[in-house]
Protein backbone atom coordinates (compact mmCIF):
# COMPACT_ATOMS: atom_id res chain seq x y z
CA MET A 1 -44.96 10.70 89.68
CA ARG A 2 -44.59 14.19 88.15
CA THR A 3 -41.10 13.84 88.85
CA LYS A 4 -40.29 10.73 87.13
CA PHE A 5 -42.47 12.09 83.92
CA LEU A 6 -40.03 14.96 83.56
CA HIS A 7 -36.85 12.79 83.74
CA LEU A 8 -38.16 10.61 81.17
CA LEU A 9 -38.79 13.51 78.65
CA SER A 10 -35.53 14.99 79.48
CA LEU A 11 -33.97 11.54 78.65
CA LEU A 12 -35.94 11.48 75.59
CA MET A 13 -34.96 14.80 74.13
CA ILE A 14 -31.45 14.03 74.99
CA LEU A 15 -31.61 10.51 72.90
CA GLN A 16 -33.26 12.49 70.12
CA THR A 17 -30.32 15.10 70.12
CA GLY A 18 -27.63 12.80 69.98
CA SER A 19 -29.41 10.68 67.21
CA SER A 20 -30.01 13.87 64.81
CA GLN A 21 -26.12 14.89 65.27
CA THR A 22 -25.25 11.10 64.39
CA MET A 23 -27.49 11.28 60.85
CA LYS A 24 -25.79 14.77 60.19
CA SER A 25 -22.32 13.41 60.99
CA GLU A 26 -22.98 10.26 58.66
CA ALA A 27 -24.77 12.54 55.87
CA THR A 28 -21.28 14.51 55.93
CA SER A 29 -19.09 11.75 55.53
CA TYR A 30 -21.31 10.31 52.74
CA ARG A 31 -21.25 13.71 51.02
CA ALA A 32 -17.46 13.81 51.36
CA SER A 33 -16.57 10.30 50.34
CA MET A 34 -19.07 10.84 47.09
CA HIS A 35 -16.82 14.14 46.25
CA LEU A 36 -13.75 12.29 46.72
CA GLY A 37 -14.76 8.98 44.54
CA LEU A 38 -15.92 11.72 41.77
CA ALA A 39 -12.74 13.39 41.92
CA ALA A 40 -10.90 10.00 41.61
CA PHE A 41 -13.47 9.21 38.73
CA GLU A 42 -12.54 12.72 36.83
CA ASP A 43 -8.71 12.08 37.60
CA ASP A 44 -9.05 8.35 36.16
CA GLU A 45 -10.54 9.79 32.92
CA ASP A 46 -8.15 12.51 32.72
CA TYR A 47 -5.22 9.94 32.88
CA GLU A 48 -7.10 7.73 29.91
CA ARG A 49 -7.55 11.08 27.93
CA ASP A 50 -3.91 12.34 28.61
CA SER A 51 -2.08 8.73 28.21
CA ILE A 52 -3.72 8.57 24.30
CA ARG A 53 -2.43 11.91 23.53
CA GLY A 54 1.19 12.63 21.98
CA PHE A 55 3.37 10.83 19.66
CA SER A 56 3.33 6.95 18.33
CA PHE A 57 5.07 5.13 16.11
CA GLY A 58 4.83 1.72 14.09
CA LEU A 59 5.00 -0.71 11.41
CA ASN A 60 2.52 -1.04 8.44
CA VAL A 61 2.12 -4.37 6.66
CA GLY A 62 -0.39 -5.09 4.07
CA VAL A 63 -0.93 -6.00 0.21
CA TYR A 64 -1.41 -3.44 -2.43
CA PHE A 65 -3.34 -3.46 -5.45
CA ALA A 66 -1.79 -1.52 -8.61
CA SER A 67 -4.10 -0.18 -11.08
CA LYS A 68 -3.54 -2.35 -14.20
CA LYS A 69 -3.94 1.00 -16.28
CA THR A 70 -0.28 1.36 -16.09
CA ALA A 71 0.80 -2.03 -16.51
CA ASN A 72 0.34 -2.42 -20.37
CA PHE A 73 3.49 0.02 -20.22
CA TYR A 74 5.54 -3.37 -20.23
CA ASN A 75 3.90 -5.25 -22.83
CA GLY A 76 6.66 -5.16 -25.31
CA GLY A 77 4.64 -2.89 -27.86
CA CYS A 78 6.95 0.59 -26.80
CA TYR A 79 4.57 2.74 -28.73
CA ASP A 80 6.59 5.93 -27.38
CA ASN A 81 10.19 4.69 -27.95
CA ASP A 82 12.17 7.88 -27.52
CA PHE A 83 15.57 8.18 -26.01
CA ILE A 84 15.01 8.30 -22.19
CA ASP A 85 18.66 8.84 -21.05
CA PRO A 86 21.63 10.43 -22.20
CA SER A 87 22.74 7.22 -23.37
CA GLU A 88 20.64 6.61 -26.39
CA VAL A 89 18.58 3.96 -24.06
CA ARG A 90 15.16 3.86 -25.18
CA CYS A 91 12.42 0.87 -25.55
CA TYR A 92 12.80 -1.57 -28.49
CA SER A 93 9.64 -3.58 -29.18
CA ILE A 94 9.71 -7.37 -29.33
CA GLU A 95 9.39 -6.88 -33.17
CA GLU A 96 12.98 -4.84 -33.15
CA ARG A 97 14.68 -6.43 -30.28
CA LEU A 98 14.29 -10.06 -32.00
CA GLY A 99 15.42 -8.80 -35.40
CA VAL A 100 12.47 -9.11 -37.08
CA SER A 101 11.90 -5.47 -38.03
CA GLY A 102 15.30 -5.36 -39.99
CA ASN A 103 17.68 -3.39 -37.23
CA ALA A 104 21.23 -5.06 -38.14
CA ASN A 105 22.24 -4.54 -34.46
CA PHE A 106 19.93 -7.44 -33.89
CA ASN A 107 20.65 -9.88 -36.65
CA GLN A 108 22.61 -12.19 -33.86
CA THR A 109 19.65 -12.19 -31.73
CA TYR A 110 17.21 -13.40 -34.39
CA ASN A 111 19.65 -16.25 -35.38
CA GLU A 112 19.61 -17.04 -31.22
CA VAL A 113 16.36 -17.21 -31.09
CA LEU A 114 15.71 -19.67 -33.77
CA GLN A 115 18.73 -21.88 -32.87
CA ALA A 116 17.20 -22.05 -29.09
CA VAL A 117 13.36 -22.37 -29.74
CA GLY A 118 13.38 -22.63 -33.54
CA ASN A 119 12.62 -26.75 -33.19
CA GLY A 120 14.00 -26.83 -36.96
CA ALA A 121 12.17 -23.41 -38.13
CA THR A 122 13.70 -21.64 -40.61
CA GLY A 123 12.53 -18.23 -39.87
CA PHE A 124 9.61 -16.44 -37.44
CA SER A 125 7.61 -13.37 -37.39
CA VAL A 126 5.67 -11.18 -34.53
CA PRO A 127 1.94 -11.51 -35.63
CA ARG A 128 0.06 -7.89 -35.37
CA ASP A 129 -1.68 -9.42 -32.67
CA ALA A 130 1.26 -10.81 -30.68
CA TYR A 131 1.20 -7.80 -27.93
CA PRO A 132 -0.87 -8.48 -24.87
CA ILE A 133 -3.28 -5.87 -24.35
CA ASN A 134 -4.48 -6.41 -20.82
CA MET A 135 -1.80 -6.62 -18.39
CA ARG A 136 -2.39 -6.74 -14.82
CA TYR A 137 0.11 -6.07 -11.35
CA ASN A 138 0.19 -8.78 -9.16
CA PRO A 139 -1.04 -7.84 -5.72
CA ALA A 140 2.22 -6.94 -3.96
CA PHE A 141 3.42 -7.10 -0.43
CA LEU A 142 3.36 -3.72 1.42
CA LEU A 143 5.63 -2.43 4.24
CA GLY A 144 6.19 0.89 5.62
CA LEU A 145 6.63 3.14 8.57
CA HIS A 146 3.87 4.84 10.57
CA MET A 147 3.75 7.82 12.88
CA LYS A 148 0.82 9.48 14.14
CA TYR A 149 0.23 12.41 16.64
CA ASN A 150 -2.92 12.09 18.58
CA PHE A 151 -5.05 14.89 20.04
CA ASN A 152 -6.81 12.62 22.17
CA ARG A 153 -8.47 9.27 21.73
CA TYR A 154 -10.83 10.31 18.52
CA SER A 155 -8.37 12.79 16.44
CA ALA A 156 -5.02 12.48 15.17
CA ILE A 157 -2.51 13.74 12.45
CA ILE A 158 -1.18 10.37 10.48
CA PHE A 159 1.97 10.18 8.38
CA ASN A 160 3.10 6.89 6.54
CA LEU A 161 5.86 5.92 4.10
CA ASN A 162 5.23 2.70 2.47
CA THR A 163 7.44 0.61 -0.22
CA VAL A 164 6.03 -1.99 -2.61
CA LYS A 165 7.85 -3.93 -5.36
CA LEU A 166 5.45 -4.59 -8.20
CA LYS A 167 5.42 -7.37 -11.26
CA THR A 168 3.20 -7.83 -14.58
CA THR A 169 3.52 -11.04 -16.05
CA ASP A 170 1.74 -11.80 -19.41
CA ARG A 171 2.17 -13.84 -22.88
CA PHE A 172 3.21 -12.72 -26.35
CA THR A 173 3.23 -14.85 -29.82
CA LEU A 174 5.64 -15.59 -32.46
CA GLN A 175 4.94 -17.27 -35.59
CA PHE A 176 7.32 -19.70 -37.09
CA PHE A 177 7.76 -20.89 -40.45
CA GLY A 178 9.82 -23.44 -42.72
CA GLY A 179 9.78 -26.19 -40.11
CA PRO A 180 7.86 -29.36 -39.94
CA ILE A 181 4.08 -28.73 -40.75
CA PRO A 182 2.01 -28.72 -37.81
CA VAL A 183 -0.87 -31.06 -36.99
CA ASN A 184 -3.63 -30.02 -39.04
CA ALA A 185 -1.69 -27.86 -41.10
CA GLN A 186 -2.17 -24.72 -38.94
CA ALA A 187 -0.01 -21.84 -38.37
CA ASP A 188 3.07 -22.72 -35.81
CA VAL A 189 2.13 -19.94 -33.59
CA ARG A 190 3.78 -20.04 -30.09
CA LEU A 191 3.44 -18.33 -26.79
CA PHE A 192 6.36 -16.87 -24.66
CA THR A 193 6.31 -14.72 -21.62
CA ILE A 194 7.04 -11.20 -20.76
CA VAL A 195 7.85 -9.32 -17.38
CA GLY A 196 7.79 -6.31 -15.94
CA ASN A 197 9.04 -5.01 -12.67
CA GLU A 198 8.66 -1.92 -11.05
CA GLN A 199 9.34 -0.25 -7.18
CA ARG A 200 6.97 2.38 -5.77
CA PHE A 201 7.20 4.15 -2.40
CA ASN A 202 4.14 6.29 -0.95
CA ILE A 203 4.22 8.92 1.24
CA ASN A 204 0.85 10.21 2.99
CA LEU A 205 -0.05 12.70 5.34
CA GLY A 206 -3.48 13.10 6.85
CA TYR A 207 -5.94 13.46 9.27
CA ARG A 208 -8.01 10.98 11.19
CA GLN A 209 -11.23 11.20 12.85
CA GLY A 210 -12.65 8.29 14.89
CA TRP A 211 -15.72 7.24 17.03
CA MET A 212 -15.96 4.92 19.52
CA MET A 213 -17.01 1.36 19.15
CA GLY A 214 -16.24 0.13 22.57
CA ASP A 215 -13.86 0.60 25.49
CA ARG A 216 -10.70 -0.05 23.71
CA SER A 217 -11.82 0.24 19.70
CA ASN A 218 -12.76 3.02 17.45
CA PHE A 219 -14.01 3.26 13.87
CA TYR A 220 -12.38 6.00 11.83
CA LEU A 221 -12.08 7.97 8.81
CA GLN A 222 -8.56 9.51 7.38
CA ALA A 223 -8.10 11.73 4.26
CA GLY A 224 -5.31 13.81 3.36
CA ALA A 225 -2.52 14.25 0.68
CA SER A 226 -0.08 11.67 -1.20
CA MET A 227 3.17 11.74 -3.03
CA LEU A 228 4.04 8.65 -5.42
CA GLY A 229 7.34 7.84 -6.26
CA SER A 230 7.86 4.87 -9.10
CA GLN A 231 11.07 3.49 -10.69
CA PHE A 232 11.10 0.89 -13.84
CA GLU A 233 13.47 -1.89 -12.82
CA GLN A 234 13.12 -4.45 -15.95
CA ASN A 235 11.22 -5.12 -18.87
CA GLN A 236 12.11 -8.54 -20.37
CA ILE A 237 11.24 -11.10 -22.84
CA ILE A 238 11.73 -14.85 -21.92
CA MET A 239 12.22 -17.19 -24.77
CA ASN A 240 13.29 -20.10 -22.17
CA GLU A 241 14.97 -20.74 -19.01
CA SER A 242 18.36 -19.58 -20.18
CA LEU A 243 17.24 -16.91 -23.11
CA ARG A 244 16.02 -13.86 -21.84
CA TYR A 245 16.46 -10.07 -23.63
CA ASP A 246 16.18 -6.84 -21.69
CA LEU A 247 13.44 -4.38 -23.83
CA PHE A 248 14.91 -1.23 -22.59
CA ILE A 249 18.63 -0.67 -23.63
CA GLY A 250 20.76 1.43 -25.63
CA ILE A 251 22.69 -0.20 -28.78
CA GLN A 252 24.72 1.64 -31.27
CA ASN A 253 26.06 -1.81 -32.58
CA GLN A 254 26.20 -5.51 -31.24
CA GLN A 255 29.19 -5.11 -29.21
CA ILE A 256 28.24 -2.02 -27.19
CA VAL A 257 25.25 -2.45 -24.95
CA GLN A 258 23.91 0.23 -22.67
CA GLN A 259 21.52 -0.46 -19.61
CA VAL A 260 18.96 1.70 -18.69
CA GLN A 261 19.79 4.13 -15.95
CA GLN A 262 16.73 3.52 -12.98
CA ARG A 263 15.14 6.75 -11.97
CA THR A 264 12.18 7.40 -9.58
CA ASP A 265 9.90 10.00 -10.98
CA ILE A 266 7.48 12.03 -8.43
CA GLY A 267 3.74 12.32 -8.91
CA PHE A 268 1.21 14.00 -6.52
CA GLY A 269 -2.23 13.02 -5.13
CA GLY A 270 -4.68 12.35 -2.26
CA TYR A 271 -5.84 9.38 -0.57
CA ALA A 272 -8.99 8.36 1.80
CA SER A 273 -9.04 5.42 4.12
CA MET A 274 -11.47 3.91 6.60
CA GLY A 275 -10.48 1.56 9.51
CA PHE A 276 -11.01 0.26 12.93
CA GLU A 277 -8.58 0.85 15.82
CA PHE A 278 -7.99 -1.14 18.91
CA TRP A 279 -5.98 -0.25 22.05
CA PHE A 280 -3.75 -2.76 24.07
CA LYS A 281 -2.29 -2.03 27.57
CA GLY A 282 -2.52 2.05 27.11
CA ARG A 283 -1.08 3.64 23.97
CA TYR A 284 -0.52 0.15 21.90
CA THR A 285 -2.77 -0.06 19.17
CA MET A 286 -3.07 -1.99 16.07
CA ASP A 287 -5.13 -0.80 12.81
CA LEU A 288 -6.84 -2.83 10.49
CA SER A 289 -7.88 -0.21 7.20
CA TRP A 290 -8.54 -0.38 3.59
CA GLY A 291 -7.36 2.69 1.43
CA LEU A 292 -7.98 4.02 -2.10
CA SER A 293 -5.77 6.73 -3.68
CA ARG A 294 -5.51 8.87 -6.83
CA ASP A 295 -2.15 8.85 -7.41
CA ARG A 296 -0.20 10.43 -10.51
CA VAL A 297 2.25 7.19 -11.72
CA ILE A 298 5.29 8.90 -14.15
CA LEU A 299 7.69 6.02 -15.91
CA TYR A 300 9.57 7.83 -18.51
CA SER A 301 7.46 9.09 -20.80
CA LEU A 302 4.04 7.38 -19.37
CA ASP A 303 2.11 9.72 -17.30
CA LYS A 304 -1.29 8.62 -16.04
CA LYS A 305 -3.78 9.14 -13.06
CA VAL A 306 -5.03 6.34 -11.82
CA PHE A 307 -6.75 4.50 -8.59
CA ASN A 308 -4.85 2.15 -6.29
CA ASN A 309 -5.79 0.32 -3.24
CA MET A 310 -4.53 -1.07 -0.19
CA LEU A 311 -5.26 -3.44 2.62
CA GLN A 312 -3.15 -2.42 5.66
CA ALA A 313 -2.24 -3.32 9.00
CA THR A 314 -0.40 -0.96 11.39
CA PHE A 315 1.17 -1.70 14.81
CA THR A 316 1.85 1.14 16.92
CA ILE A 317 4.04 1.95 20.15
């Protein structure tokens, strides 16, 4: 009996030793697998972080809302009518351009207007309140190029070059006399259209700071410096579909008319914007943003600092 007991005790000790070694082996394997998994996770995280670092290029599209404070430049009043180029081109007011002020160079224009839209009137004048005083630019389509350098997912240097074509349209009045007596004997006052066209480009350079919203999206704030180039294109009064007159011309006599030489004037300012950035398949992104810029708009003699707004979508690769 004693011999059997000793054999059984020996067997139990052998089994206990083997179980302990197995548990140690399993623990060692588990720790190794955890270490490998953590290393793989860190590698994935480094890869994701590195995949957002670097340059990306894209396209901007949006809507530009120009401040109305510079739109009255096109209202036909020509309050500052100095010569604007060596060809003695300047802005002629509606009253001057239609020959009402007595400028002999525009006598032919006066007669053309009477014949085209007079409806039997023998003359016309420009009332004191003829000129629009609250002109506004139409919202304009914005198109541009975008370049970005990401330090990481959250911070970047941003460069944009955007272009827009602006148009402002309003109405002015002329008073006709000598024709058929109007209904109720009221003055014969008629409305006509005045149009201004302008082209702008905007360059801005700024810094972006973002905050994570989700795995593939950020909210960001952005600010920096900007440069605005403004180019006058045309300022016309429209009497009817076939009769239009430019207000910016140079004229020594009725046979020699100099057209305005377009130029681009540059002003500097700053901007700020906020928006949302979304990632698709690595570094492909789409931004949706609203921006506000403080710009210096220069159009010949006009020089004003104004706030302009834009809504913009950006697509980058």
